[in-house]
Amino acid sequence: MSVIVKWLEEKQFVAIDSTGHSVVLSSPADGVGMKPSDLLLVALAGCSAYDIVEILRKKRQNLESLAVEVRGEQESDAPWAFRRIHTMFRLRGDVSEKAVKQAIELSETKYCSVAATLRPAVELTWDYLIES
């Protein structure tokens, strides 16, 4: 697996993943693309979301929607390392609380490579809400 980031202009870049998909990166002042540090949080949310949907499908749960909100706390000085990251899972559908909790635990502790990579250096916490 490999990715490439190409400089476009000023403080704008395009990142291309191993399957050819792309995303624009920029500084917050440019307002054109995503901040690289935000992409780390997006990667965690996406990795977990994928796992949870798959696990709940295998458990024959009727999931209607899933939203994953990730909030990171960074150090105040350079290099602004993340110290704490909290993930909130909001689910809707005919799903059991037990199945949801198991799916999240499996993703966060066994399947999500992003969480596994972050865990040694960052405090990872999570919560969930099953909405009606």
C-alpha atoms as a PDB file:
ATOM      1  CA  MET A   1       0.000   0.000   0.000  1.00  0.00           C
ATOM      2  CA  SER A   2       1.233   3.466  -0.795  1.00  0.00           C
ATOM      3  CA  VAL A   3      -0.133   6.976  -1.253  1.00  0.00           C
ATOM      4  CA  ILE A   4       1.226  10.068  -2.907  1.00  0.00           C
ATOM      5  CA  VAL A   5       0.794  13.744  -2.072  1.00  0.00           C
ATOM      6  CA  LYS A   6       1.432  16.271  -4.834  1.00  0.00           C
ATOM      7  CA  TRP A   7       1.888  19.990  -4.338  1.00  0.00           C
ATOM      8  CA  LEU A   8      -0.591  21.997  -6.424  1.00  0.00           C
ATOM      9  CA  GLU A   9       0.106  25.640  -5.507  1.00  0.00           C
ATOM     10  CA  GLU A  10       0.581  27.888  -2.495  1.00  0.00           C
ATOM     11  CA  LYS A  11      -0.397  25.686   0.501  1.00  0.00           C
ATOM     12  CA  GLN A  12      -2.570  23.285  -1.492  1.00  0.00           C
ATOM     13  CA  PHE A  13      -1.886  19.627  -2.172  1.00  0.00           C
ATOM     14  CA  VAL A  14      -3.721  16.633  -3.569  1.00  0.00           C
ATOM     15  CA  ALA A  15      -3.408  13.245  -1.904  1.00  0.00           C
ATOM     16  CA  ILE A  16      -4.006  10.122  -3.976  1.00  0.00           C
ATOM     17  CA  ASP A  17      -4.595   6.815  -2.232  1.00  0.00           C
ATOM     18  CA  SER A  18      -3.567   3.314  -3.287  1.00  0.00           C
ATOM     19  CA  THR A  19      -6.816   2.875  -5.246  1.00  0.00           C
ATOM     20  CA  GLY A  20      -6.607   6.179  -7.128  1.00  0.00           C
ATOM     21  CA  HIS A  21      -9.059   8.196  -5.030  1.00  0.00           C
ATOM     22  CA  SER A  22      -8.061  11.724  -4.130  1.00  0.00           C
ATOM     23  CA  VAL A  23      -8.614  14.432  -1.551  1.00  0.00           C
ATOM     24  CA  VAL A  24      -7.432  18.028  -1.496  1.00  0.00           C
ATOM     25  CA  LEU A  25      -5.307  19.166   1.465  1.00  0.00           C
ATOM     26  CA  SER A  26      -4.607  22.724   2.499  1.00  0.00           C
ATOM     27  CA  SER A  27      -3.968  25.007   5.417  1.00  0.00           C
ATOM     28  CA  PRO A  28      -7.021  26.322   7.279  1.00  0.00           C
ATOM     29  CA  ALA A  29      -6.369  29.798   5.850  1.00  0.00           C
ATOM     30  CA  ASP A  30      -6.675  28.551   2.264  1.00  0.00           C
ATOM     31  CA  GLY A  31     -10.054  26.970   2.937  1.00  0.00           C
ATOM     32  CA  VAL A  32      -9.790  24.758  -0.141  1.00  0.00           C
ATOM     33  CA  GLY A  33      -9.147  21.342   1.333  1.00  0.00           C
ATOM     34  CA  MET A  34      -8.903  19.356   4.520  1.00  0.00           C
ATOM     35  CA  LYS A  35      -6.242  19.886   7.159  1.00  0.00           C
ATOM     36  CA  PRO A  36      -3.878  16.904   7.354  1.00  0.00           C
ATOM     37  CA  SER A  37      -4.498  16.569  11.098  1.00  0.00           C
ATOM     38  CA  ASP A  38      -8.255  16.400  10.432  1.00  0.00           C
ATOM     39  CA  LEU A  39      -7.585  13.578   7.983  1.00  0.00           C
ATOM     40  CA  LEU A  40      -6.186  11.531  10.852  1.00  0.00           C
ATOM     41  CA  LEU A  41      -9.522  11.878  12.649  1.00  0.00           C
ATOM     42  CA  VAL A  42     -11.379  11.103   9.406  1.00  0.00           C
ATOM     43  CA  ALA A  43      -9.276   7.959   8.993  1.00  0.00           C
ATOM     44  CA  LEU A  44     -10.202   6.785  12.490  1.00  0.00           C
ATOM     45  CA  ALA A  45     -13.903   7.525  11.930  1.00  0.00           C
ATOM     46  CA  GLY A  46     -13.944   5.832   8.531  1.00  0.00           C
ATOM     47  CA  CYS A  47     -12.086   2.762   9.703  1.00  0.00           C
ATOM     48  CA  SER A  48     -14.428   2.302  12.667  1.00  0.00           C
ATOM     49  CA  ALA A  49     -17.575   3.046  10.651  1.00  0.00           C
ATOM     50  CA  TYR A  50     -16.692   0.427   8.047  1.00  0.00           C
ATOM     51  CA  ASP A  51     -16.058  -2.212  10.714  1.00  0.00           C
ATOM     52  CA  ILE A  52     -19.228  -1.445  12.661  1.00  0.00           C
ATOM     53  CA  VAL A  53     -21.493  -1.600   9.610  1.00  0.00           C
ATOM     54  CA  GLU A  54     -19.969  -4.929   8.577  1.00  0.00           C
ATOM     55  CA  ILE A  55     -20.159  -6.432  12.071  1.00  0.00           C
ATOM     56  CA  LEU A  56     -23.768  -5.341  12.593  1.00  0.00           C
ATOM     57  CA  ARG A  57     -24.739  -6.772   9.187  1.00  0.00           C
ATOM     58  CA  LYS A  58     -23.175 -10.100  10.136  1.00  0.00           C
ATOM     59  CA  LYS A  59     -25.145  -9.959  13.390  1.00  0.00           C
ATOM     60  CA  ARG A  60     -28.296  -9.423  11.278  1.00  0.00           C
ATOM     61  CA  GLN A  61     -29.018  -6.054  12.885  1.00  0.00           C
ATOM     62  CA  ASN A  62     -31.230  -3.631  10.968  1.00  0.00           C
ATOM     63  CA  LEU A  63     -28.972  -0.561  10.936  1.00  0.00           C
ATOM     64  CA  GLU A  64     -30.589   2.413   9.193  1.00  0.00           C
ATOM     65  CA  SER A  65     -27.903   5.045   9.738  1.00  0.00           C
ATOM     66  CA  LEU A  66     -24.548   5.597  11.381  1.00  0.00           C
ATOM     67  CA  ALA A  67     -22.740   8.865  12.040  1.00  0.00           C
ATOM     68  CA  VAL A  68     -19.300   8.918  13.637  1.00  0.00           C
ATOM     69  CA  GLU A  69     -18.055  12.125  15.254  1.00  0.00           C
ATOM     70  CA  VAL A  70     -14.429  12.246  16.349  1.00  0.00           C
ATOM     71  CA  ARG A  71     -12.974  14.969  18.570  1.00  0.00           C
ATOM     72  CA  GLY A  72      -9.264  15.223  19.108  1.00  0.00           C
ATOM     73  CA  GLU A  73      -7.307  17.158  21.710  1.00  0.00           C
ATOM     74  CA  GLN A  74      -3.874  18.263  20.591  1.00  0.00           C
ATOM     75  CA  GLU A  75      -0.895  19.640  22.475  1.00  0.00           C
ATOM     76  CA  SER A  76      -0.747  23.437  22.425  1.00  0.00           C
ATOM     77  CA  ASP A  77       2.838  23.509  21.120  1.00  0.00           C
ATOM     78  CA  ALA A  78       4.441  22.169  17.949  1.00  0.00           C
ATOM     79  CA  PRO A  79       4.201  19.496  16.693  1.00  0.00           C
ATOM     80  CA  TRP A  80       0.661  19.600  18.157  1.00  0.00           C
ATOM     81  CA  ALA A  81       0.485  15.868  18.798  1.00  0.00           C
ATOM     82  CA  PHE A  82      -2.879  14.349  19.569  1.00  0.00           C
ATOM     83  CA  ARG A  83      -3.143  13.306  23.216  1.00  0.00           C
ATOM     84  CA  ARG A  84      -6.802  12.349  23.480  1.00  0.00           C
ATOM     85  CA  ILE A  85      -9.324  11.326  20.848  1.00  0.00           C
ATOM     86  CA  HIS A  86     -12.974  10.659  21.639  1.00  0.00           C
ATOM     87  CA  THR A  87     -15.304   8.963  19.171  1.00  0.00           C
ATOM     88  CA  MET A  88     -19.087   9.258  19.357  1.00  0.00           C
ATOM     89  CA  PHE A  89     -21.136   6.736  17.391  1.00  0.00           C
ATOM     90  CA  ARG A  90     -24.729   7.718  16.615  1.00  0.00           C
ATOM     91  CA  LEU A  91     -26.785   4.832  15.302  1.00  0.00           C
ATOM     92  CA  ARG A  92     -30.369   4.532  14.172  1.00  0.00           C
ATOM     93  CA  GLY A  93     -32.342   1.392  13.448  1.00  0.00           C
ATOM     94  CA  ASP A  94     -33.605  -1.795  14.983  1.00  0.00           C
ATOM     95  CA  VAL A  95     -30.320  -2.679  16.674  1.00  0.00           C
ATOM     96  CA  SER A  96     -29.671  -4.203  20.059  1.00  0.00           C
ATOM     97  CA  GLU A  97     -27.510  -2.332  22.528  1.00  0.00           C
ATOM     98  CA  LYS A  98     -25.475  -5.489  23.128  1.00  0.00           C
ATOM     99  CA  ALA A  99     -24.720  -5.913  19.410  1.00  0.00           C
ATOM    100  CA  VAL A 100     -23.755  -2.250  19.037  1.00  0.00           C
ATOM    101  CA  LYS A 101     -21.421  -2.336  22.019  1.00  0.00           C
ATOM    102  CA  GLN A 102     -19.782  -5.557  20.793  1.00  0.00           C
ATOM    103  CA  ALA A 103     -19.358  -4.146  17.281  1.00  0.00           C
ATOM    104  CA  ILE A 104     -17.687  -0.990  18.579  1.00  0.00           C
ATOM    105  CA  GLU A 105     -15.419  -2.927  20.941  1.00  0.00           C
ATOM    106  CA  LEU A 106     -14.356  -5.304  18.150  1.00  0.00           C
ATOM    107  CA  SER A 107     -13.602  -2.431  15.816  1.00  0.00           C
ATOM    108  CA  GLU A 108     -11.712  -0.369  18.372  1.00  0.00           C
ATOM    109  CA  THR A 109      -9.674  -3.231  19.857  1.00  0.00           C
ATOM    110  CA  LYS A 110      -9.292  -5.782  17.066  1.00  0.00           C
ATOM    111  CA  TYR A 111     -10.076  -4.679  13.513  1.00  0.00           C
ATOM    112  CA  CYS A 112      -9.445  -0.953  13.017  1.00  0.00           C
ATOM    113  CA  SER A 113      -5.824  -0.503  11.958  1.00  0.00           C
ATOM    114  CA  VAL A 114      -5.981   3.243  12.573  1.00  0.00           C
ATOM    115  CA  ALA A 115      -7.063   2.762  16.202  1.00  0.00           C
ATOM    116  CA  ALA A 116      -4.389   0.107  16.670  1.00  0.00           C
ATOM    117  CA  THR A 117      -1.747   2.500  15.370  1.00  0.00           C
ATOM    118  CA  LEU A 118      -2.883   5.408  17.531  1.00  0.00           C
ATOM    119  CA  ARG A 119      -3.561   3.479  20.751  1.00  0.00           C
ATOM    120  CA  PRO A 120       0.050   3.302  22.049  1.00  0.00           C
ATOM    121  CA  ALA A 121       0.471   7.094  21.947  1.00  0.00           C
ATOM    122  CA  VAL A 122      -3.044   8.503  22.244  1.00  0.00           C
ATOM    123  CA  GLU A 123      -5.813   8.022  24.800  1.00  0.00           C
ATOM    124  CA  LEU A 124      -8.741   6.670  22.763  1.00  0.00           C
ATOM    125  CA  THR A 125     -12.228   6.744  24.239  1.00  0.00           C
ATOM    126  CA  TRP A 126     -15.656   6.177  22.749  1.00  0.00           C
ATOM    127  CA  ASP A 127     -19.344   6.318  23.443  1.00  0.00           C
ATOM    128  CA  TYR A 128     -22.486   5.572  21.481  1.00  0.00           C
ATOM    129  CA  LEU A 129     -26.094   6.601  21.229  1.00  0.00           C
ATOM    130  CA  ILE A 130     -28.866   4.584  19.630  1.00  0.00           C
ATOM    131  CA  GLU A 131     -31.355   7.146  18.386  1.00  0.00           C
ATOM    132  CA  SER A 132     -35.009   6.425  17.757  1.00  0.00           C
END
